[in-house]
Amino acid sequence: GKAEKVVEDLDLPKGRHLIEPMPGALLMLLLLKGKLKGKIPQLKDFILSHIRFIHADTADIDLELGFLQHLAVKFEQHPVRIAVVTSSIKYEADIVLSQVFKVFREELQNTGLKGSELEELTNLFSDHNTFYDAVLTATDSSEIRLKPFRDLYSMALHKLAVPVDHFDRVIGFEDSESGNLAIRAAGIGLAVAVPFAQTAGHNLSSASYVAKYGLPEVIFKKHLFFNQ
C-alpha cells in the first residue's frame, strides 16, 4: 500500500511505476479475452505504438490492423482461458498483480476509448482473481517443487481443464530459464521466452521461440503462432 511513496522517494520519471507489466501485456490480454472486436479504430494510436515497437516505420499498418481485426473476431467467438503461474507465494503475487492491474486501468484511460466501452474494460481489470481463469502460486504447492519443476504448470493445466491430448494447443510464456524449462516439463506444446533486462542473459534454449521484443513481437511478427 506504499508503492506511491516508494516511487516518490526513488524519484522515478513521471508516469512510471514501481511495478509495471511488460510491454504489450494489456493489448495481448484484451485480444485473447475477445474484447478488441469493434474497438480497433478507437484504439488505433494505442495499437500503433506496439507495432512501431518492433517494426519502426517499416510496417504495413493496414495489413497489421486487418490481421488484428481478424484475430479480434476469432477470439470474441472463442476467448482463451488464461492462467498465471508464479513461484511467488500468494501474498506476494496478489501485491504484484494488483499493482499490474492498477497500471492496466491507468493505461486504458489513455487509449482513446470513451464512455461505456472504457467503463467495460476498466471493470474487466478491476480484480486479477476474477479476470484470470486460474492463478497458481508457490502457496499452491506448499512452496516446494517450484520452477523449473513442472508441478505448478501441471496444476494450472488441471485447473483450466485442458485434456492431455490438447496440451499441444497450449502456449506458455515465461521470462526466465527456469520458467521455460517448467513449461516444457509439463508437456505444453509451445514455450515462448519473453526475456527482460534481468533475464536477457539466461539460457533460453529450451524455449520454442525467443521473442526478443516481447509480446508486441508475438502479436505482430508471429501473429500468435497461428498456422505454425
C-alpha atoms as a PDB file:
ATOM      1  CA  GLY A   1       0.000   0.000   0.000  1.00  0.00           C
ATOM      2  CA  LYS A   2       3.023   2.303  -0.028  1.00  0.00           C
ATOM      3  CA  ALA A   3       4.029   1.958  -3.678  1.00  0.00           C
ATOM      4  CA  GLU A   4       3.301   5.614  -4.483  1.00  0.00           C
ATOM      5  CA  LYS A   5       5.510   6.766  -1.599  1.00  0.00           C
ATOM      6  CA  VAL A   6       8.346   4.490  -2.736  1.00  0.00           C
ATOM      7  CA  VAL A   7       8.036   5.795  -6.307  1.00  0.00           C
ATOM      8  CA  GLU A   8       8.217   9.339  -4.962  1.00  0.00           C
ATOM      9  CA  ASP A   9      11.281   8.537  -2.859  1.00  0.00           C
ATOM     10  CA  LEU A  10      13.000   6.895  -5.842  1.00  0.00           C
ATOM     11  CA  ASP A  11      12.225   9.928  -7.995  1.00  0.00           C
ATOM     12  CA  LEU A  12      11.056   7.788 -10.918  1.00  0.00           C
ATOM     13  CA  PRO A  13      10.082   9.583 -14.148  1.00  0.00           C
ATOM     14  CA  LYS A  14       6.502  10.829 -14.298  1.00  0.00           C
ATOM     15  CA  GLY A  15       4.112   8.094 -15.312  1.00  0.00           C
ATOM     16  CA  ARG A  16       6.414   5.257 -14.237  1.00  0.00           C
ATOM     17  CA  HIS A  17       5.502   2.762 -11.534  1.00  0.00           C
ATOM     18  CA  LEU A  18       7.424   0.623  -9.092  1.00  0.00           C
ATOM     19  CA  ILE A  19       5.747  -2.472 -10.564  1.00  0.00           C
ATOM     20  CA  GLU A  20       4.850  -2.426 -14.257  1.00  0.00           C
ATOM     21  CA  PRO A  21       3.532  -5.011 -16.739  1.00  0.00           C
ATOM     22  CA  MET A  22       5.713  -5.998 -19.660  1.00  0.00           C
ATOM     23  CA  PRO A  23       5.067  -4.019 -22.866  1.00  0.00           C
ATOM     24  CA  GLY A  24       2.135  -5.396 -24.826  1.00  0.00           C
ATOM     25  CA  ALA A  25       0.528  -7.213 -21.898  1.00  0.00           C
ATOM     26  CA  LEU A  26      -2.664  -5.144 -21.882  1.00  0.00           C
ATOM     27  CA  LEU A  27      -3.157  -5.455 -25.637  1.00  0.00           C
ATOM     28  CA  MET A  28      -2.478  -9.192 -25.515  1.00  0.00           C
ATOM     29  CA  LEU A  29      -4.984  -9.796 -22.722  1.00  0.00           C
ATOM     30  CA  LEU A  30      -7.676  -7.699 -24.402  1.00  0.00           C
ATOM     31  CA  LEU A  31      -7.153  -9.667 -27.597  1.00  0.00           C
ATOM     32  CA  LEU A  32      -7.141 -13.125 -26.028  1.00  0.00           C
ATOM     33  CA  LYS A  33     -10.240 -12.421 -23.960  1.00  0.00           C
ATOM     34  CA  GLY A  34     -12.159 -11.322 -27.052  1.00  0.00           C
ATOM     35  CA  LYS A  35     -12.518  -7.672 -26.080  1.00  0.00           C
ATOM     36  CA  LEU A  36     -10.978  -5.961 -29.133  1.00  0.00           C
ATOM     37  CA  LYS A  37     -13.695  -6.544 -31.724  1.00  0.00           C
ATOM     38  CA  GLY A  38     -15.240  -3.235 -32.747  1.00  0.00           C
ATOM     39  CA  LYS A  39     -12.723  -1.228 -30.746  1.00  0.00           C
ATOM     40  CA  ILE A  40      -9.696  -1.254 -33.049  1.00  0.00           C
ATOM     41  CA  PRO A  41     -10.464   2.121 -34.739  1.00  0.00           C
ATOM     42  CA  GLN A  42     -10.669   3.847 -31.345  1.00  0.00           C
ATOM     43  CA  LEU A  43      -7.517   2.059 -30.189  1.00  0.00           C
ATOM     44  CA  LYS A  44      -5.514   2.755 -33.344  1.00  0.00           C
ATOM     45  CA  ASP A  45      -2.875   5.001 -31.755  1.00  0.00           C
ATOM     46  CA  PHE A  46      -2.511   2.608 -28.826  1.00  0.00           C
ATOM     47  CA  ILE A  47      -2.059  -0.311 -31.228  1.00  0.00           C
ATOM     48  CA  LEU A  48       0.350   1.581 -33.493  1.00  0.00           C
ATOM     49  CA  SER A  49       2.663   2.186 -30.547  1.00  0.00           C
ATOM     50  CA  HIS A  50       3.027  -1.597 -30.253  1.00  0.00           C
ATOM     51  CA  ILE A  51       3.598  -2.113 -33.978  1.00  0.00           C
ATOM     52  CA  ARG A  52       6.305   0.545 -34.058  1.00  0.00           C
ATOM     53  CA  PHE A  53       7.910  -1.055 -31.015  1.00  0.00           C
ATOM     54  CA  ILE A  54       9.127  -3.868 -33.274  1.00  0.00           C
ATOM     55  CA  HIS A  55       8.765  -2.620 -36.844  1.00  0.00           C
ATOM     56  CA  ALA A  56       9.812   1.026 -36.556  1.00  0.00           C
ATOM     57  CA  ASP A  57       8.441   2.686 -39.713  1.00  0.00           C
ATOM     58  CA  THR A  58       8.565  -0.354 -41.994  1.00  0.00           C
ATOM     59  CA  ALA A  59       5.248  -1.955 -41.091  1.00  0.00           C
ATOM     60  CA  ASP A  60       2.285  -2.198 -43.428  1.00  0.00           C
ATOM     61  CA  ILE A  61      -0.096  -0.629 -40.932  1.00  0.00           C
ATOM     62  CA  ASP A  62      -3.300  -1.501 -42.768  1.00  0.00           C
ATOM     63  CA  LEU A  63      -2.185  -5.112 -43.127  1.00  0.00           C
ATOM     64  CA  GLU A  64      -1.329  -5.383 -39.438  1.00  0.00           C
ATOM     65  CA  LEU A  65      -4.594  -3.773 -38.340  1.00  0.00           C
ATOM     66  CA  GLY A  66      -6.516  -6.044 -40.683  1.00  0.00           C
ATOM     67  CA  PHE A  67      -4.904  -9.136 -39.238  1.00  0.00           C
ATOM     68  CA  LEU A  68      -5.543  -7.879 -35.719  1.00  0.00           C
ATOM     69  CA  GLN A  69      -9.212  -7.404 -36.601  1.00  0.00           C
ATOM     70  CA  HIS A  70      -9.279 -10.978 -37.897  1.00  0.00           C
ATOM     71  CA  LEU A  71      -7.884 -12.205 -34.582  1.00  0.00           C
ATOM     72  CA  ALA A  72     -10.279  -9.983 -32.635  1.00  0.00           C
ATOM     73  CA  VAL A  73     -13.247 -11.689 -34.297  1.00  0.00           C
ATOM     74  CA  LYS A  74     -11.762 -15.141 -33.728  1.00  0.00           C
ATOM     75  CA  PHE A  75     -11.128 -14.547 -30.036  1.00  0.00           C
ATOM     76  CA  GLU A  76     -14.506 -12.928 -29.447  1.00  0.00           C
ATOM     77  CA  GLN A  77     -16.019 -16.191 -30.633  1.00  0.00           C
ATOM     78  CA  HIS A  78     -13.534 -18.308 -28.688  1.00  0.00           C
ATOM     79  CA  PRO A  79     -11.980 -16.438 -25.735  1.00  0.00           C
ATOM     80  CA  VAL A  80      -8.815 -18.000 -24.389  1.00  0.00           C
ATOM     81  CA  ARG A  81      -8.528 -19.458 -20.917  1.00  0.00           C
ATOM     82  CA  ILE A  82      -5.540 -17.894 -19.184  1.00  0.00           C
ATOM     83  CA  ALA A  83      -3.614 -18.925 -16.091  1.00  0.00           C
ATOM     84  CA  VAL A  84      -0.881 -17.096 -14.220  1.00  0.00           C
ATOM     85  CA  VAL A  85       1.851 -19.371 -12.897  1.00  0.00           C
ATOM     86  CA  THR A  86       4.366 -17.891 -10.478  1.00  0.00           C
ATOM     87  CA  SER A  87       6.933 -19.156  -7.997  1.00  0.00           C
ATOM     88  CA  SER A  88       5.998 -16.304  -5.657  1.00  0.00           C
ATOM     89  CA  ILE A  89       3.812 -17.051  -2.668  1.00  0.00           C
ATOM     90  CA  LYS A  90       0.180 -15.959  -2.925  1.00  0.00           C
ATOM     91  CA  TYR A  91       0.662 -12.909  -0.710  1.00  0.00           C
ATOM     92  CA  GLU A  92       3.437 -11.592  -2.955  1.00  0.00           C
ATOM     93  CA  ALA A  93       1.607 -12.498  -6.156  1.00  0.00           C
ATOM     94  CA  ASP A  94      -1.514 -10.645  -5.032  1.00  0.00           C
ATOM     95  CA  ILE A  95       0.519  -7.494  -4.382  1.00  0.00           C
ATOM     96  CA  VAL A  96       2.245  -7.620  -7.768  1.00  0.00           C
ATOM     97  CA  LEU A  97      -0.858  -8.489  -9.785  1.00  0.00           C
ATOM     98  CA  SER A  98      -2.923  -5.832  -8.011  1.00  0.00           C
ATOM     99  CA  GLN A  99      -0.348  -3.219  -8.983  1.00  0.00           C
ATOM    100  CA  VAL A 100      -0.164  -4.514 -12.557  1.00  0.00           C
ATOM    101  CA  PHE A 101      -3.937  -4.295 -12.913  1.00  0.00           C
ATOM    102  CA  LYS A 102      -3.869  -0.785 -11.494  1.00  0.00           C
ATOM    103  CA  VAL A 103      -1.435   0.164 -14.269  1.00  0.00           C
ATOM    104  CA  PHE A 104      -3.716  -1.515 -16.823  1.00  0.00           C
ATOM    105  CA  ARG A 105      -6.624   0.638 -15.666  1.00  0.00           C
ATOM    106  CA  GLU A 106      -4.458   3.745 -15.966  1.00  0.00           C
ATOM    107  CA  GLU A 107      -3.318   2.687 -19.452  1.00  0.00           C
ATOM    108  CA  LEU A 108      -6.920   2.294 -20.547  1.00  0.00           C
ATOM    109  CA  GLN A 109      -7.590   5.938 -19.727  1.00  0.00           C
ATOM    110  CA  ASN A 110      -5.098   6.914 -22.449  1.00  0.00           C
ATOM    111  CA  THR A 111      -6.244   4.559 -25.198  1.00  0.00           C
ATOM    112  CA  GLY A 112      -8.905   6.740 -26.781  1.00  0.00           C
ATOM    113  CA  LEU A 113     -11.827   4.700 -25.511  1.00  0.00           C
ATOM    114  CA  LYS A 114     -14.755   6.610 -24.067  1.00  0.00           C
ATOM    115  CA  GLY A 115     -17.982   6.062 -22.187  1.00  0.00           C
ATOM    116  CA  SER A 116     -19.392   2.577 -21.789  1.00  0.00           C
ATOM    117  CA  GLU A 117     -16.544   0.900 -23.691  1.00  0.00           C
ATOM    118  CA  LEU A 118     -13.965   2.403 -21.361  1.00  0.00           C
ATOM    119  CA  GLU A 119     -16.069   1.524 -18.334  1.00  0.00           C
ATOM    120  CA  GLU A 120     -16.478  -2.068 -19.536  1.00  0.00           C
ATOM    121  CA  LEU A 121     -12.749  -2.648 -19.907  1.00  0.00           C
ATOM    122  CA  THR A 122     -11.857  -0.786 -16.730  1.00  0.00           C
ATOM    123  CA  ASN A 123     -14.227  -3.059 -14.833  1.00  0.00           C
ATOM    124  CA  LEU A 124     -12.736  -6.075 -16.596  1.00  0.00           C
ATOM    125  CA  PHE A 125      -9.386  -5.290 -14.982  1.00  0.00           C
ATOM    126  CA  SER A 126     -10.771  -4.500 -11.550  1.00  0.00           C
ATOM    127  CA  ASP A 127      -9.547  -7.746  -9.966  1.00  0.00           C
ATOM    128  CA  HIS A 128      -6.931 -10.210 -11.213  1.00  0.00           C
ATOM    129  CA  ASN A 129      -8.591 -13.025  -9.290  1.00  0.00           C
ATOM    130  CA  THR A 130     -11.742 -12.743 -11.388  1.00  0.00           C
ATOM    131  CA  PHE A 131     -10.001 -11.882 -14.663  1.00  0.00           C
ATOM    132  CA  TYR A 132      -7.737 -14.927 -14.866  1.00  0.00           C
ATOM    133  CA  ASP A 133      -9.166 -18.406 -15.137  1.00  0.00           C
ATOM    134  CA  ALA A 134      -6.541 -19.683 -12.703  1.00  0.00           C
ATOM    135  CA  VAL A 135      -3.733 -18.240 -10.606  1.00  0.00           C
ATOM    136  CA  LEU A 136      -1.122 -20.717  -9.381  1.00  0.00           C
ATOM    137  CA  THR A 137       1.474 -19.647  -6.831  1.00  0.00           C
ATOM    138  CA  ALA A 138       4.118 -21.270  -4.664  1.00  0.00           C
ATOM    139  CA  THR A 139       1.483 -21.453  -1.941  1.00  0.00           C
ATOM    140  CA  ASP A 140      -0.455 -23.971  -4.045  1.00  0.00           C
ATOM    141  CA  SER A 141       2.491 -26.365  -3.994  1.00  0.00           C
ATOM    142  CA  SER A 142       3.437 -25.716  -0.358  1.00  0.00           C
ATOM    143  CA  GLU A 143       6.480 -23.830  -1.680  1.00  0.00           C
ATOM    144  CA  ILE A 144       8.163 -26.994  -2.958  1.00  0.00           C
ATOM    145  CA  ARG A 145       8.971 -28.195  -6.485  1.00  0.00           C
ATOM    146  CA  LEU A 146       8.757 -24.741  -7.994  1.00  0.00           C
ATOM    147  CA  LYS A 147      10.095 -23.865 -11.449  1.00  0.00           C
ATOM    148  CA  PRO A 148      11.962 -25.484 -13.213  1.00  0.00           C
ATOM    149  CA  PHE A 149       9.829 -28.399 -11.999  1.00  0.00           C
ATOM    150  CA  ARG A 150       6.580 -28.876 -13.878  1.00  0.00           C
ATOM    151  CA  ASP A 151       4.258 -29.041 -10.870  1.00  0.00           C
ATOM    152  CA  LEU A 152       2.737 -25.547 -10.960  1.00  0.00           C
ATOM    153  CA  TYR A 153       2.146 -25.745 -14.699  1.00  0.00           C
ATOM    154  CA  SER A 154       0.624 -29.200 -14.371  1.00  0.00           C
ATOM    155  CA  MET A 155      -1.710 -27.834 -11.708  1.00  0.00           C
ATOM    156  CA  ALA A 156      -2.613 -24.933 -13.992  1.00  0.00           C
ATOM    157  CA  LEU A 157      -3.460 -27.287 -16.848  1.00  0.00           C
ATOM    158  CA  HIS A 158      -5.695 -29.242 -14.482  1.00  0.00           C
ATOM    159  CA  LYS A 159      -7.452 -26.096 -13.245  1.00  0.00           C
ATOM    160  CA  LEU A 160      -8.014 -24.988 -16.834  1.00  0.00           C
ATOM    161  CA  ALA A 161      -9.458 -28.442 -17.587  1.00  0.00           C
ATOM    162  CA  VAL A 162      -7.100 -28.986 -20.519  1.00  0.00           C
ATOM    163  CA  PRO A 163      -7.150 -32.629 -21.644  1.00  0.00           C
ATOM    164  CA  VAL A 164      -3.765 -34.280 -22.004  1.00  0.00           C
ATOM    165  CA  ASP A 165      -4.268 -34.722 -25.734  1.00  0.00           C
ATOM    166  CA  HIS A 166      -4.739 -30.934 -26.028  1.00  0.00           C
ATOM    167  CA  PHE A 167      -1.519 -29.940 -24.273  1.00  0.00           C
ATOM    168  CA  ASP A 168      -0.016 -29.313 -27.711  1.00  0.00           C
ATOM    169  CA  ARG A 169      -2.548 -26.495 -28.195  1.00  0.00           C
ATOM    170  CA  VAL A 170      -1.338 -24.599 -25.131  1.00  0.00           C
ATOM    171  CA  ILE A 171       1.192 -21.755 -25.209  1.00  0.00           C
ATOM    172  CA  GLY A 172       3.253 -20.850 -22.176  1.00  0.00           C
ATOM    173  CA  PHE A 173       5.021 -17.503 -21.820  1.00  0.00           C
ATOM    174  CA  GLU A 174       7.990 -17.156 -19.492  1.00  0.00           C
ATOM    175  CA  ASP A 175      10.726 -14.600 -18.967  1.00  0.00           C
ATOM    176  CA  SER A 176      13.327 -16.922 -17.431  1.00  0.00           C
ATOM    177  CA  GLU A 177      15.295 -20.103 -17.989  1.00  0.00           C
ATOM    178  CA  SER A 178      13.610 -21.978 -15.139  1.00  0.00           C
ATOM    179  CA  GLY A 179      10.168 -20.938 -16.333  1.00  0.00           C
ATOM    180  CA  ASN A 180      10.687 -22.220 -19.858  1.00  0.00           C
ATOM    181  CA  LEU A 181      12.066 -25.490 -18.529  1.00  0.00           C
ATOM    182  CA  ALA A 182       8.933 -25.856 -16.398  1.00  0.00           C
ATOM    183  CA  ILE A 183       6.682 -25.273 -19.414  1.00  0.00           C
ATOM    184  CA  ARG A 184       8.486 -27.964 -21.369  1.00  0.00           C
ATOM    185  CA  ALA A 185       8.499 -30.375 -18.428  1.00  0.00           C
ATOM    186  CA  ALA A 186       4.711 -30.027 -18.155  1.00  0.00           C
ATOM    187  CA  GLY A 187       4.301 -31.147 -21.764  1.00  0.00           C
ATOM    188  CA  ILE A 188       2.961 -27.828 -23.026  1.00  0.00           C
ATOM    189  CA  GLY A 189       3.195 -27.551 -26.792  1.00  0.00           C
ATOM    190  CA  LEU A 190       4.830 -24.154 -27.192  1.00  0.00           C
ATOM    191  CA  ALA A 191       7.202 -22.419 -24.781  1.00  0.00           C
ATOM    192  CA  VAL A 192       7.747 -18.754 -25.638  1.00  0.00           C
ATOM    193  CA  ALA A 193      10.509 -16.842 -23.896  1.00  0.00           C
ATOM    194  CA  VAL A 194       9.906 -13.123 -23.364  1.00  0.00           C
ATOM    195  CA  PRO A 195      13.099 -12.066 -21.580  1.00  0.00           C
ATOM    196  CA  PHE A 196      13.582  -8.685 -19.957  1.00  0.00           C
ATOM    197  CA  ALA A 197      16.738  -6.892 -18.833  1.00  0.00           C
ATOM    198  CA  GLN A 198      17.367  -9.100 -15.798  1.00  0.00           C
ATOM    199  CA  THR A 199      16.866 -12.384 -17.691  1.00  0.00           C
ATOM    200  CA  ALA A 200      18.374 -11.493 -21.060  1.00  0.00           C
ATOM    201  CA  GLY A 201      21.475 -13.488 -20.135  1.00  0.00           C
ATOM    202  CA  HIS A 202      19.568 -16.659 -19.242  1.00  0.00           C
ATOM    203  CA  ASN A 203      19.983 -19.831 -21.267  1.00  0.00           C
ATOM    204  CA  LEU A 204      16.674 -19.905 -23.131  1.00  0.00           C
ATOM    205  CA  SER A 205      17.499 -22.799 -25.432  1.00  0.00           C
ATOM    206  CA  SER A 206      14.589 -24.796 -24.004  1.00  0.00           C
ATOM    207  CA  ALA A 207      12.122 -22.272 -25.442  1.00  0.00           C
ATOM    208  CA  SER A 208      10.362 -22.958 -28.727  1.00  0.00           C
ATOM    209  CA  TYR A 209      10.782 -19.303 -29.612  1.00  0.00           C
ATOM    210  CA  VAL A 210      12.555 -16.342 -28.034  1.00  0.00           C
ATOM    211  CA  ALA A 211      10.665 -13.070 -28.515  1.00  0.00           C
ATOM    212  CA  LYS A 212      13.443 -10.510 -28.295  1.00  0.00           C
ATOM    213  CA  TYR A 213      10.941  -7.654 -28.498  1.00  0.00           C
ATOM    214  CA  GLY A 214       8.451  -9.251 -26.149  1.00  0.00           C
ATOM    215  CA  LEU A 215       4.706  -9.538 -26.567  1.00  0.00           C
ATOM    216  CA  PRO A 216       4.409  -6.968 -29.395  1.00  0.00           C
ATOM    217  CA  GLU A 217       6.653  -9.280 -31.425  1.00  0.00           C
ATOM    218  CA  VAL A 218       4.423 -12.250 -30.600  1.00  0.00           C
ATOM    219  CA  ILE A 219       1.324 -10.356 -31.751  1.00  0.00           C
ATOM    220  CA  PHE A 220       2.554  -8.524 -34.829  1.00  0.00           C
ATOM    221  CA  LYS A 221       5.511 -10.555 -36.066  1.00  0.00           C
ATOM    222  CA  LYS A 222       4.484 -14.092 -35.146  1.00  0.00           C
ATOM    223  CA  HIS A 223       0.715 -13.446 -35.203  1.00  0.00           C
ATOM    224  CA  LEU A 224       0.272 -15.505 -32.033  1.00  0.00           C
ATOM    225  CA  PHE A 225       1.772 -18.524 -33.817  1.00  0.00           C
ATOM    226  CA  PHE A 226      -1.332 -19.237 -35.847  1.00  0.00           C
ATOM    227  CA  ASN A 227      -0.726 -21.702 -38.680  1.00  0.00           C
ATOM    228  CA  GLN A 228       2.557 -22.807 -37.123  1.00  0.00           C
END
